[in-house]
Protein backbone atom coordinates (compact mmCIF):
# COMPACT_ATOMS: atom_id res chain seq x y z
CA MET A 1 17.73 6.88 -32.77
CA ASP A 2 14.46 8.51 -33.91
CA VAL A 3 14.13 10.49 -30.26
CA GLU A 4 10.75 12.23 -31.61
CA SER A 5 9.00 8.97 -32.99
CA ILE A 6 9.98 7.07 -29.59
CA ARG A 7 8.33 10.03 -27.64
CA GLU A 8 5.47 9.27 -28.83
CA ASP A 9 5.07 6.26 -27.34
CA PHE A 10 5.17 7.76 -24.05
CA PRO A 11 2.20 9.64 -23.45
CA ILE A 12 2.78 10.85 -20.07
CA LEU A 13 5.68 13.28 -21.82
CA ASP A 14 3.10 15.57 -23.80
CA ARG A 15 1.51 16.65 -19.88
CA GLU A 16 2.25 19.84 -17.59
CA VAL A 17 3.26 20.51 -14.78
CA GLY A 18 2.59 23.63 -13.38
CA GLY A 19 1.54 24.89 -16.66
CA GLU A 20 4.82 24.11 -17.72
CA PRO A 21 5.51 21.06 -20.19
CA LEU A 22 6.96 18.63 -18.31
CA VAL A 23 10.84 17.60 -18.35
CA TYR A 24 11.20 14.12 -17.01
CA LEU A 25 15.30 13.48 -15.83
CA ASP A 26 14.49 11.38 -12.78
CA ASN A 27 15.00 8.26 -14.82
CA ALA A 28 17.40 6.79 -13.10
CA ALA A 29 15.26 6.27 -10.11
CA THR A 30 12.48 5.34 -12.65
CA THR A 31 11.60 5.57 -16.22
CA GLN A 32 8.51 6.23 -17.95
CA THR A 33 6.46 2.94 -19.87
CA PRO A 34 5.73 2.58 -23.64
CA THR A 35 2.29 1.91 -24.85
CA GLN A 36 3.76 -1.20 -26.21
CA VAL A 37 4.53 -2.30 -22.66
CA SER A 38 1.44 -0.96 -20.63
CA ARG A 39 -1.06 -2.68 -23.46
CA THR A 40 0.83 -5.43 -22.79
CA PHE A 41 0.21 -5.33 -18.89
CA THR A 42 -3.41 -4.38 -19.84
CA GLU A 43 -4.06 -7.35 -22.28
CA TYR A 44 -2.93 -10.07 -19.58
CA TYR A 45 -5.75 -8.80 -17.38
CA ASP A 46 -8.42 -7.98 -20.17
CA GLU A 47 -8.01 -11.62 -22.23
CA TYR A 48 -6.31 -14.20 -19.56
CA ASN A 49 -6.20 -13.18 -16.01
CA ALA A 50 -5.17 -16.57 -14.28
CA ASN A 51 -2.61 -17.75 -11.86
CA VAL A 52 0.55 -20.19 -12.99
CA HIS A 53 1.28 -23.57 -13.23
CA ARG A 54 -1.18 -26.42 -11.77
CA GLY A 55 -4.65 -25.09 -13.40
CA ILE A 56 -5.83 -27.41 -15.64
CA HIS A 57 -7.83 -24.70 -17.81
CA GLN A 58 -6.98 -22.59 -20.85
CA LEU A 59 -6.89 -19.28 -19.24
CA SER A 60 -4.06 -20.64 -16.65
CA HIS A 61 -2.09 -22.42 -19.69
CA GLU A 62 -2.22 -19.09 -21.33
CA ALA A 63 -0.62 -17.30 -18.44
CA SER A 64 1.74 -20.02 -17.63
CA VAL A 65 3.19 -20.26 -21.11
CA ALA A 66 3.40 -16.40 -21.54
CA TYR A 67 5.26 -16.07 -17.77
CA GLU A 68 7.64 -19.30 -19.00
CA ASP A 69 8.38 -17.39 -22.00
CA ALA A 70 9.08 -13.92 -19.98
CA HIS A 71 11.58 -16.18 -18.06
CA ASP A 72 13.43 -16.75 -21.57
CA ARG A 73 12.95 -13.46 -22.71
CA LEU A 74 14.69 -11.66 -20.08
CA ALA A 75 17.76 -14.61 -20.04
CA GLU A 76 17.93 -14.40 -23.36
CA PHE A 77 18.43 -9.90 -23.33
CA VAL A 78 21.11 -10.54 -20.23
CA GLY A 79 22.84 -13.45 -22.37
CA ALA A 80 21.81 -16.57 -19.77
CA ASP A 81 21.28 -19.85 -21.16
CA GLY A 82 17.51 -19.82 -20.36
CA ARG A 83 14.40 -19.51 -17.76
CA GLU A 84 16.66 -21.98 -15.20
CA GLU A 85 18.88 -19.24 -14.62
CA MET A 86 16.18 -16.33 -14.85
CA VAL A 87 14.47 -16.29 -11.30
CA PHE A 88 12.01 -13.31 -10.71
CA THR A 89 11.54 -10.70 -7.91
CA LYS A 90 9.97 -8.10 -6.24
CA ASN A 91 12.74 -5.61 -7.48
CA ALA A 92 16.82 -5.73 -7.80
CA THR A 93 16.92 -5.19 -3.89
CA GLU A 94 15.23 -8.52 -3.23
CA ALA A 95 17.51 -10.07 -6.21
CA VAL A 96 20.16 -8.68 -3.94
CA ASN A 97 18.74 -10.37 -0.74
CA LEU A 98 17.84 -13.97 -2.38
CA VAL A 99 21.83 -14.21 -2.85
CA ALA A 100 22.60 -12.79 0.15
CA HIS A 101 20.96 -14.94 2.36
CA GLY A 102 20.32 -18.29 -0.10
CA LEU A 103 24.79 -18.35 -0.53
CA GLY A 104 25.50 -15.90 1.75
CA HIS A 105 24.57 -17.54 4.95
CA GLN A 106 25.73 -21.15 3.43
CA HIS A 107 29.52 -19.66 2.57
CA LEU A 108 29.80 -16.47 5.45
CA GLU A 109 31.45 -17.20 8.86
CA PRO A 110 34.33 -16.11 10.94
CA GLY A 111 37.68 -15.45 8.94
CA THR A 112 35.60 -14.73 5.34
CA ALA A 113 34.79 -11.61 3.69
CA VAL A 114 32.32 -9.90 1.46
CA VAL A 115 33.85 -7.48 -1.06
CA THR A 116 31.90 -4.46 -1.93
CA THR A 117 32.63 -0.93 -2.86
CA GLU A 118 32.23 2.98 -1.85
CA MET A 119 29.84 3.57 -3.79
CA GLU A 120 27.64 0.97 -3.65
CA HIS A 121 23.30 1.10 -2.97
CA HIS A 122 22.19 0.55 0.19
CA ALA A 123 20.12 -2.44 -1.25
CA SER A 124 23.66 -3.63 -1.40
CA LEU A 125 26.17 -2.12 1.53
CA VAL A 126 22.98 -2.50 3.57
CA THR A 127 22.09 -6.01 3.07
CA TRP A 128 25.90 -7.07 3.44
CA GLN A 129 26.63 -5.41 6.45
CA GLN A 130 23.77 -7.14 8.08
CA ILE A 131 24.63 -10.81 6.23
CA ALA A 132 28.41 -10.09 7.30
CA GLU A 133 26.78 -9.27 11.63
CA ARG A 134 25.17 -12.83 11.65
CA THR A 135 27.78 -14.53 10.02
CA GLY A 136 30.89 -13.32 11.85
CA ALA A 137 32.11 -12.30 8.64
CA GLU A 138 34.10 -9.05 7.94
CA VAL A 139 33.00 -6.26 5.13
CA ARG A 140 35.42 -4.74 3.13
CA TYR A 141 35.40 -1.68 0.37
CA VAL A 142 37.19 -0.98 -2.78
CA GLU A 143 37.88 2.78 -2.25
CA VAL A 144 36.53 5.12 -4.78
CA GLU A 145 39.42 7.87 -6.10
CA ASP A 146 39.03 11.27 -6.74
CA ASP A 147 37.90 11.18 -10.51
CA GLY A 148 35.06 8.68 -9.31
CA THR A 149 36.77 5.67 -10.36
CA LEU A 150 37.24 2.66 -8.16
CA ASP A 151 40.91 2.02 -6.65
CA ALA A 152 42.04 -0.85 -9.12
CA GLU A 153 45.38 -1.02 -6.68
CA HIS A 154 43.37 -1.59 -3.72
CA ALA A 155 40.80 -3.80 -5.06
CA LYS A 156 43.66 -5.82 -5.31
CA GLU A 157 44.88 -5.79 -2.20
CA VAL A 158 41.28 -6.26 -0.27
CA ILE A 159 40.28 -9.26 -2.62
CA ASP A 160 41.90 -11.91 -1.40
CA GLU A 161 41.65 -16.06 -0.30
CA ASP A 162 39.42 -14.89 2.70
CA VAL A 163 36.77 -13.37 0.25
CA GLU A 164 33.91 -15.61 -0.23
CA ILE A 165 31.86 -12.76 -2.27
CA VAL A 166 32.21 -9.84 -4.03
CA SER A 167 29.73 -7.32 -5.00
CA VAL A 168 30.17 -4.33 -7.01
CA ALA A 169 27.68 -2.30 -8.87
CA HIS A 170 28.11 -1.87 -12.63
CA VAL A 171 27.37 1.16 -13.16
CA SER A 172 27.17 3.76 -9.85
CA ASN A 173 23.54 5.77 -9.35
CA VAL A 174 25.61 8.95 -8.40
CA LEU A 175 28.69 8.85 -10.58
CA GLY A 176 27.78 7.40 -13.40
CA THR A 177 30.88 5.65 -13.56
CA VAL A 178 30.58 2.33 -15.62
CA ASN A 179 33.05 -0.50 -13.08
CA PRO A 180 35.63 -2.34 -14.76
CA VAL A 181 33.53 -5.80 -13.97
CA ARG A 182 35.43 -8.21 -15.57
CA GLU A 183 38.47 -6.99 -13.91
CA LEU A 184 36.73 -7.78 -11.05
CA ALA A 185 35.14 -10.88 -11.46
CA ASP A 186 38.18 -11.92 -12.31
CA LEU A 187 40.07 -11.41 -9.01
CA ALA A 188 37.41 -12.74 -7.27
CA HIS A 189 37.64 -16.11 -9.57
CA ASP A 190 41.34 -16.00 -9.29
CA ASN A 191 40.74 -16.13 -5.51
CA GLY A 192 38.22 -18.53 -5.42
CA ALA A 193 34.99 -16.14 -4.86
CA VAL A 194 32.23 -15.14 -6.77
CA ILE A 195 30.55 -12.14 -7.91
CA LEU A 196 27.20 -10.33 -7.56
CA VAL A 197 26.84 -7.51 -10.06
CA ASP A 198 24.19 -5.20 -9.11
CA GLY A 199 22.99 -4.52 -12.99
CA ALA A 200 20.01 -1.77 -12.11
CA GLN A 201 21.90 0.76 -13.74
CA SER A 202 23.39 -0.81 -16.35
CA VAL A 203 21.32 -3.63 -18.13
CA PRO A 204 18.57 -0.62 -18.90
CA THR A 205 21.37 1.48 -20.45
CA ARG A 206 23.57 -0.88 -22.04
CA PRO A 207 24.24 -3.88 -23.57
CA VAL A 208 24.63 -6.58 -20.85
CA ASP A 209 26.00 -10.15 -21.18
CA VAL A 210 26.68 -11.85 -18.05
CA THR A 211 28.78 -14.32 -19.92
CA ASP A 212 31.49 -11.43 -21.07
CA LEU A 213 31.20 -9.86 -17.53
CA GLY A 214 32.27 -12.56 -16.08
CA ALA A 215 28.97 -12.34 -13.63
CA ASP A 216 28.49 -15.33 -11.46
CA PHE A 217 24.66 -12.80 -10.34
CA LEU A 218 23.42 -9.94 -11.92
CA ALA A 219 20.19 -8.19 -10.43
CA PHE A 220 18.04 -5.71 -12.04
CA SER A 221 14.96 -3.97 -11.77
CA GLY A 222 12.03 -3.12 -14.33
CA HIS A 223 11.11 -0.18 -13.70
CA LYS A 224 14.16 1.58 -14.87
CA MET A 225 14.35 -0.46 -18.22
CA ALA A 226 10.95 1.01 -19.27
CA GLY A 227 9.52 -1.89 -17.35
CA PRO A 228 6.55 -2.08 -14.98
CA THR A 229 7.05 -1.41 -10.72
CA GLY A 230 6.88 -4.66 -9.02
CA ILE A 231 9.39 -7.09 -10.86
CA GLY A 232 13.01 -7.51 -10.41
CA CYS A 233 15.16 -10.46 -12.08
CA LEU A 234 18.34 -12.38 -10.49
CA TYR A 235 20.63 -13.96 -13.00
CA GLY A 236 22.52 -16.95 -11.64
CA ARG A 237 24.72 -19.72 -12.45
CA ARG A 238 22.86 -22.89 -12.86
CA ASP A 239 24.98 -24.77 -10.39
CA LEU A 240 25.05 -21.98 -8.16
CA LEU A 241 21.36 -21.64 -8.04
CA GLU A 242 21.04 -25.55 -7.65
CA GLU A 243 23.66 -25.27 -4.32
CA MET A 244 21.29 -22.16 -2.67
CA ASP A 245 18.66 -22.56 -0.36
CA PRO A 246 15.67 -20.74 -1.04
CA PHE A 247 15.25 -17.40 0.40
CA LEU A 248 11.15 -17.31 0.81
CA TYR A 249 8.68 -20.40 1.51
CA GLY A 250 5.36 -21.45 0.49
CA GLY A 251 3.62 -22.61 -2.19
CA GLU A 252 4.81 -22.88 -6.25
CA MET A 253 9.08 -23.27 -4.91
CA ILE A 254 7.78 -27.08 -3.87
CA ARG A 255 7.43 -30.31 -4.76
CA HIS A 256 6.89 -32.75 -2.66
CA VAL A 257 5.49 -32.02 1.05
CA THR A 258 4.78 -34.21 4.08
CA PHE A 259 4.16 -33.27 7.77
CA ASP A 260 7.89 -33.81 8.27
CA GLU A 261 9.89 -32.12 5.42
CA ALA A 262 9.36 -30.62 1.70
CA THR A 263 11.52 -30.82 -1.35
CA TRP A 264 11.84 -28.22 -4.03
CA ASN A 265 10.91 -27.15 -7.22
CA ASP A 266 13.21 -26.65 -10.09
CA LEU A 267 14.77 -23.96 -11.25
CA PRO A 268 13.58 -21.37 -11.21
CA TRP A 269 10.39 -21.79 -9.59
CA LYS A 270 12.64 -22.81 -6.41
CA PHE A 271 12.88 -19.28 -5.91
CA GLU A 272 9.78 -17.93 -7.19
CA ALA A 273 7.44 -18.80 -3.79
CA GLY A 274 3.88 -18.07 -3.62
CA THR A 275 1.77 -16.02 -6.96
CA PRO A 276 4.56 -14.63 -8.97
CA PRO A 277 4.69 -11.00 -10.49
CA ILE A 278 2.44 -12.67 -13.26
CA ALA A 279 1.60 -9.35 -15.47
CA GLU A 280 4.68 -7.54 -14.57
CA GLY A 281 6.62 -10.92 -15.89
CA ILE A 282 5.40 -10.68 -19.40
CA ALA A 283 4.93 -7.11 -19.49
CA LEU A 284 8.94 -6.74 -18.77
CA ALA A 285 9.43 -9.64 -21.12
CA ALA A 286 7.81 -6.53 -23.61
CA ALA A 287 10.08 -3.89 -22.40
CA ALA A 288 12.89 -6.45 -23.20
CA ASP A 289 11.41 -6.53 -27.01
CA TYR A 290 11.12 -2.39 -26.86
CA LEU A 291 14.91 -2.37 -25.96
CA ASP A 292 16.03 -4.18 -28.68
CA ASP A 293 14.37 -2.66 -31.44
CA ILE A 294 16.04 0.21 -30.56
CA GLY A 295 19.43 -1.23 -29.75
CA MET A 296 21.19 -1.11 -26.80
CA ASP A 297 23.75 0.00 -28.55
CA ALA A 298 22.23 3.16 -29.38
CA VAL A 299 20.58 3.55 -25.80
CA ARG A 300 24.11 3.40 -24.54
CA ARG A 301 25.54 5.96 -27.15
CA HIS A 302 22.26 8.43 -26.88
CA GLU A 303 22.52 8.45 -23.15
CA ASP A 304 26.71 9.11 -22.91
CA GLU A 305 26.09 12.11 -25.61
CA LEU A 306 23.57 13.68 -23.26
CA ALA A 307 25.87 13.07 -20.00
CA GLN A 308 28.69 14.68 -21.99
CA TYR A 309 26.89 17.73 -23.07
CA LEU A 310 25.72 18.84 -19.61
CA LEU A 311 28.84 18.00 -18.37
CA ASP A 312 30.25 20.29 -20.74
CA GLU A 313 28.16 22.82 -19.84
CA LEU A 314 28.55 22.87 -16.07
CA ALA A 315 32.04 22.99 -16.30
CA GLU A 316 31.51 26.57 -17.65
CA ARG A 317 29.49 27.67 -14.80
CA GLU A 318 31.84 28.35 -11.82
CA ASP A 319 29.12 28.20 -9.51
CA VAL A 320 28.38 24.06 -9.98
CA GLU A 321 30.33 21.25 -9.02
CA ALA A 322 29.67 17.89 -10.88
CA TYR A 323 30.73 14.57 -9.42
CA GLY A 324 31.99 11.60 -10.92
CA PRO A 325 34.46 11.43 -14.15
CA PRO A 326 34.77 14.39 -16.25
CA ALA A 327 33.86 14.72 -19.54
CA GLY A 328 35.49 12.89 -22.00
CA VAL A 329 34.88 9.66 -20.30
CA GLU A 330 32.23 7.07 -21.28
CA ARG A 331 29.49 7.01 -18.53
CA THR A 332 25.79 5.96 -18.32
CA GLY A 333 23.62 9.23 -18.72
CA LEU A 334 23.08 10.77 -15.58
CA VAL A 335 25.11 13.36 -13.68
CA SER A 336 25.10 14.13 -10.58
CA PHE A 337 26.14 17.46 -8.83
CA ASN A 338 25.81 21.07 -6.71
CA VAL A 339 25.13 24.77 -7.27
CA GLY A 340 26.44 26.82 -5.15
CA ASP A 341 25.45 26.64 -1.62
CA VAL A 342 21.74 26.06 -3.28
CA HIS A 343 20.74 23.26 -0.93
CA GLY A 344 19.78 20.34 -3.86
CA HIS A 345 16.16 20.13 -2.53
CA ASP A 346 15.93 23.85 -2.87
CA LEU A 347 17.29 23.72 -6.25
CA SER A 348 14.37 20.33 -7.37
CA GLU A 349 12.06 22.64 -6.05
CA ILE A 350 13.00 25.77 -8.19
CA LEU A 351 13.45 23.22 -11.36
CA ASP A 352 9.30 21.75 -10.41
CA ASP A 353 8.59 24.85 -10.70
CA ARG A 354 9.42 24.95 -14.21
CA GLY A 355 8.65 21.81 -14.80
CA VAL A 356 12.05 19.74 -14.47
CA ALA A 357 11.52 16.84 -12.57
CA VAL A 358 14.94 15.92 -10.93
CA ARG A 359 15.99 13.56 -7.97
CA ALA A 360 17.84 15.16 -5.05
CA GLY A 361 18.80 13.63 -1.70
CA ASP A 362 21.64 11.11 -1.20
CA HIS A 363 20.11 8.56 -3.75
CA CYS A 364 20.03 5.43 -1.12
CA THR A 365 24.28 6.04 -0.73
CA GLN A 366 24.80 7.94 2.23
CA PRO A 367 28.49 6.66 2.22
CA LEU A 368 29.68 7.71 -1.07
CA HIS A 369 28.08 10.96 -0.35
CA ASP A 370 30.47 10.78 3.16
CA VAL A 371 33.19 10.44 0.65
CA LEU A 372 32.29 13.07 -1.55
CA ASP A 373 32.17 15.32 2.00
CA ILE A 374 29.02 16.33 0.58
CA PRO A 375 25.29 16.11 2.93
CA GLY A 376 23.52 15.36 -0.91
CA SER A 377 23.27 16.05 -4.93
CA VAL A 378 20.77 16.93 -7.44
CA ARG A 379 21.10 14.06 -10.12
CA ALA A 380 19.75 14.63 -13.53
CA SER A 381 19.29 11.12 -15.56
CA PHE A 382 18.47 10.26 -19.24
CA TYR A 383 16.72 8.01 -21.49
CA VAL A 384 15.71 7.16 -24.57
CA TYR A 385 13.36 9.70 -24.94
CA THR A 386 15.26 12.84 -23.68
CA THR A 387 16.29 15.98 -25.92
CA ARG A 388 19.02 18.28 -25.89
CA GLU A 389 16.63 20.74 -25.48
CA GLU A 390 15.17 19.13 -22.48
CA VAL A 391 18.96 19.11 -21.01
CA ASP A 392 19.13 23.05 -22.18
CA ALA A 393 15.98 23.56 -19.87
CA LEU A 394 17.48 22.23 -16.86
CA LEU A 395 20.64 24.37 -17.59
CA ASP A 396 18.74 27.54 -17.79
CA GLY A 397 16.39 26.12 -14.67
CA ILE A 398 19.93 26.26 -12.63
CA GLU A 399 20.86 29.70 -13.63
CA ASP A 400 20.76 32.22 -11.11
CA ALA A 401 19.77 29.25 -8.47
CA ALA A 402 20.41 31.33 -5.30
CA GLU A 403 18.21 34.34 -6.32
CA ARG A 404 15.54 32.19 -7.64
CA ARG A 405 15.62 30.68 -4.13
CA ASP A 406 15.46 33.66 -2.09
CA GLY A 407 12.46 35.02 -4.00
CA LEU A 408 10.92 31.72 -4.05
CA LEU A 409 10.94 31.89 -0.11
CA ALA A 410 9.84 35.82 -0.59
CA SER A 411 6.75 34.53 -2.30
CA ASP A 412 3.14 33.98 -1.03
CA ARG A 413 4.10 29.90 -0.83
CA TYR A 414 6.17 30.68 3.01
CA HIS A 415 5.39 32.49 5.66
CA ASP A 416 7.32 35.32 6.32
CA ARG A 417 8.87 34.20 9.21
CA VAL A 418 11.00 31.87 6.80
CA PHE A 419 11.91 33.98 4.62
CA GLU A 420 13.16 36.35 7.61
CA HIS A 421 15.59 33.82 9.28
CA HIS A 422 16.53 32.51 5.88
CA ARG A 423 17.87 36.11 5.22
CA ASP A 424 19.16 36.82 8.81
CA ARG A 425 19.53 33.92 10.39
CA THR A 426 20.34 33.46 14.18
CA ASN A 427 22.80 31.87 15.81
CA ALA A 428 24.70 30.48 12.51
CA GLY A 429 27.86 28.97 13.09
CA GLY A 430 29.01 26.83 16.16
CA LEU A 431 30.20 27.80 19.68
CA GLU A 432 33.59 26.46 20.63
CA ASP A 433 32.40 25.97 24.09
CA ALA A 434 29.09 24.61 23.62
CA THR A 435 27.98 22.24 27.09
CA PHE A 436 26.83 19.71 24.43
CA ARG A 437 25.78 19.21 20.80
CA LYS A 438 22.80 17.61 18.91
CA HIS A 439 23.38 15.91 15.57
CA SER A 440 20.22 16.52 13.63
CA ALA A 441 19.48 14.69 9.43
CA GLU A 442 16.72 13.85 7.64
CA THR A 443 18.35 11.46 5.35
CA SER A 444 15.68 11.31 2.58
CA CYS A 445 16.41 14.43 1.32
CA GLY A 446 19.88 15.07 2.70
CA ASP A 447 19.17 17.95 5.23
CA GLU A 448 22.30 17.91 7.85
CA GLY A 449 22.81 19.78 11.05
CA GLU A 450 24.26 19.89 14.27
CA PHE A 451 22.86 22.14 17.32
CA HIS A 452 25.51 23.50 19.85
CA VAL A 453 23.70 24.40 23.12
CA ASP A 454 25.66 26.40 26.20
CA LEU A 455 24.09 25.97 29.66
CA ALA A 456 23.89 28.89 32.16
CA ALA A 457 24.75 27.63 36.01
CA ASP A 458 20.91 27.85 36.04
CA GLY A 459 20.27 25.24 33.59
CA THR A 460 19.09 27.80 31.01
CA ILE A 461 20.06 27.93 27.69
CA ARG A 462 22.36 30.90 27.32
CA GLU A 463 23.01 30.72 24.02
CA ILE A 464 22.40 28.21 20.84
CA GLY A 465 24.42 27.96 17.75
CA PHE A 466 23.79 25.62 14.86
CA GLU A 467 25.71 24.36 11.54
CA SER A 468 23.60 23.54 8.71
CA GLN A 469 24.32 21.16 5.32
CA SER A 470 20.42 22.01 4.99
CA CYS A 471 17.80 23.06 2.46
CA ALA A 472 16.60 26.68 2.82
CA VAL A 473 13.04 25.87 5.09
CA SER A 474 15.07 23.72 7.23
CA THR A 475 18.00 26.22 7.81
CA ALA A 476 15.28 29.23 8.56
CA VAL A 477 13.38 26.43 11.27
CA ALA A 478 16.87 26.08 13.05
CA SER A 479 17.35 29.97 13.26
CA MET A 480 13.65 30.21 14.45
CA LEU A 481 14.17 27.50 17.30
CA ALA A 482 17.75 28.99 18.62
CA ASP A 483 15.46 32.42 18.96
CA HIS A 484 12.52 30.90 20.66
CA LEU A 485 14.88 28.64 23.18
CA THR A 486 17.67 31.12 24.22
CA GLY A 487 17.06 32.12 27.48
CA GLU A 488 14.73 29.06 27.88
CA PRO A 489 15.34 26.11 30.89
CA VAL A 490 17.20 23.05 29.37
CA ASP A 491 14.19 21.32 29.86
CA ALA A 492 12.35 23.09 27.16
CA LEU A 493 14.55 20.74 24.64
CA ALA A 494 12.95 17.80 26.21
CA ASP A 495 9.34 18.34 24.69
CA LEU A 496 9.50 20.54 20.81
CA ASP A 497 6.85 18.72 19.16
CA GLY A 498 4.78 21.13 17.65
CA THR A 499 7.14 24.24 18.55
CA VAL A 500 7.56 24.65 14.84
CA GLU A 501 4.18 24.64 13.61
CA ALA A 502 3.12 27.07 17.24
CA LEU A 503 6.03 29.71 15.95
CA LEU A 504 4.57 29.84 12.67
CA ASP A 505 0.78 30.10 14.10
CA GLY A 506 1.75 33.37 16.15
CA GLN A 507 1.17 31.46 19.62
CA PHE A 508 5.18 32.42 20.77
CA PRO A 509 5.88 36.02 20.51
CA ASP A 510 8.40 37.23 17.30
CA VAL A 511 11.61 38.44 18.88
CA ARG A 512 12.26 40.18 15.69
CA ARG A 513 8.86 42.05 15.76
CA ASP A 514 8.79 42.39 19.30
CA CYS A 515 5.21 41.80 18.68
CA VAL A 516 3.15 38.09 18.30
CA VAL A 517 2.21 37.32 15.03
CA GLY A 518 -1.17 37.09 13.96
CA PRO A 519 -3.65 34.21 13.69
CA GLU A 520 -3.65 34.82 10.29
CA ASP A 521 -0.25 34.48 9.20
CA VAL A 522 -0.25 30.60 9.18
CA ILE A 523 1.81 28.65 7.48
CA SER A 524 0.93 27.79 4.01
CA GLU A 525 0.07 24.70 2.46
CA GLY A 526 3.43 25.12 0.47
CA ALA A 527 5.71 24.55 2.56
CA THR A 528 3.92 21.87 4.91
CA GLU A 529 5.95 19.34 3.08
CA HIS A 530 9.53 21.08 3.63
CA LEU A 531 8.26 21.85 7.18
CA GLU A 532 7.78 17.90 7.57
CA SER A 533 11.45 17.24 6.14
CA ALA A 534 12.61 19.49 8.70
CA ARG A 535 11.16 17.92 11.55
CA SER A 536 14.37 16.67 12.47
CA ALA A 537 15.67 20.00 14.16
CA ASP A 538 12.21 19.56 16.76
CA ASP A 539 13.96 15.98 17.67
């Protein structure tokens, strides 16, 4: 791969963030878009913007042909037999829901089961939970081994003749694990079940052929494969799609309607109700062309090489823990890790100050992080334009992370009180004989903690302790609240809305200074976002 030449197709990579060159390592969430794709998107609106099908004019004809050809192109990209097996959706999440509602409601009932895994994205895991609750079916989870791979023997135990549907991520968006989909598909088919593959992290990063995988369904998103947002794809075996009921109803998906009944259109339009994502679908076909011009084998090798390099470098650092298969095992181009006691939210901010964009939190896999026994992680993910020098920038950015975090909190970006309570926490640690406890979590960033409250006989708060697995600002806020609430009546816990802001605005005495903070010592604008994420402490 000529990475430098590829980078010329992505003008956004030339921008700066805070005066630093952008190092974009958040590709597992959304990849950047090359000019070849954005130009195709614009050409649609500039030259032949019209609604598709049934329009008896030239623009509608041109749009319809391009939109139908896009279905053929994406079907070819994943080895499907034609447009009849390729449904355009809003995203991979909608594709999963289409199968869950269209097939799940038909086949699931008490005594049947759905099998998924402990590493699933919420888009799959939550969907099957809800469908199972409505149908009375059981959800079973294939366990994850310590090395980040699926437990093959456990899979054989849970996939039995009661199972109707197996739903599995081809590639984990946290661990980078490439799952043995073919083996799971064979297990499913041997027991009379169908298999849905979540290809959101695999279709953009490696060659994928639905026949080779044995997949009955495959879901993936455009915005993770150099395409536009707002479009996803569902491959489905033609016989299964014909059997399924539509998920949405309205225009386009109907053939004939009376006041008493309706019949459905041919595939794939049967599942594309209303005005579809026309420009997005045409542009996604251009993204498939772009990636095929590079070569999906080359994409796979490039990502794996960068991931292996990062894993090797992280292994040399005693304060870093990486998750998923170790170095030497092929994976996709992402690595999730934590650095010492530096919360991922803090590390992400440290890196952002250096122009490095990563993602921190639970990555829509809360149950997996529970299995890993961590509140969240930092994820660096690569794509066709990522260079080794950018990985080195990440490595340099996490050097001395704890010291950099403390320096950041001591800077003018944050109120002095935040830094003081970070440096010297009040009542950190749980209480053995607490009167009650209150768990607090902000799952969007991975903050998590628990307050322990000990009440005196007269109903006043005698002592508060807290255990925190949160970013530095949220932990400092917990310390501030522990200071403020000690000695207060228990009723004070019922209405804490605005208390944090009031503490920082000087409306309450500063216990540590034995004085009142002046009104000029208000929270800085840069800290507002972090305090918003810490509002769970108020609850």
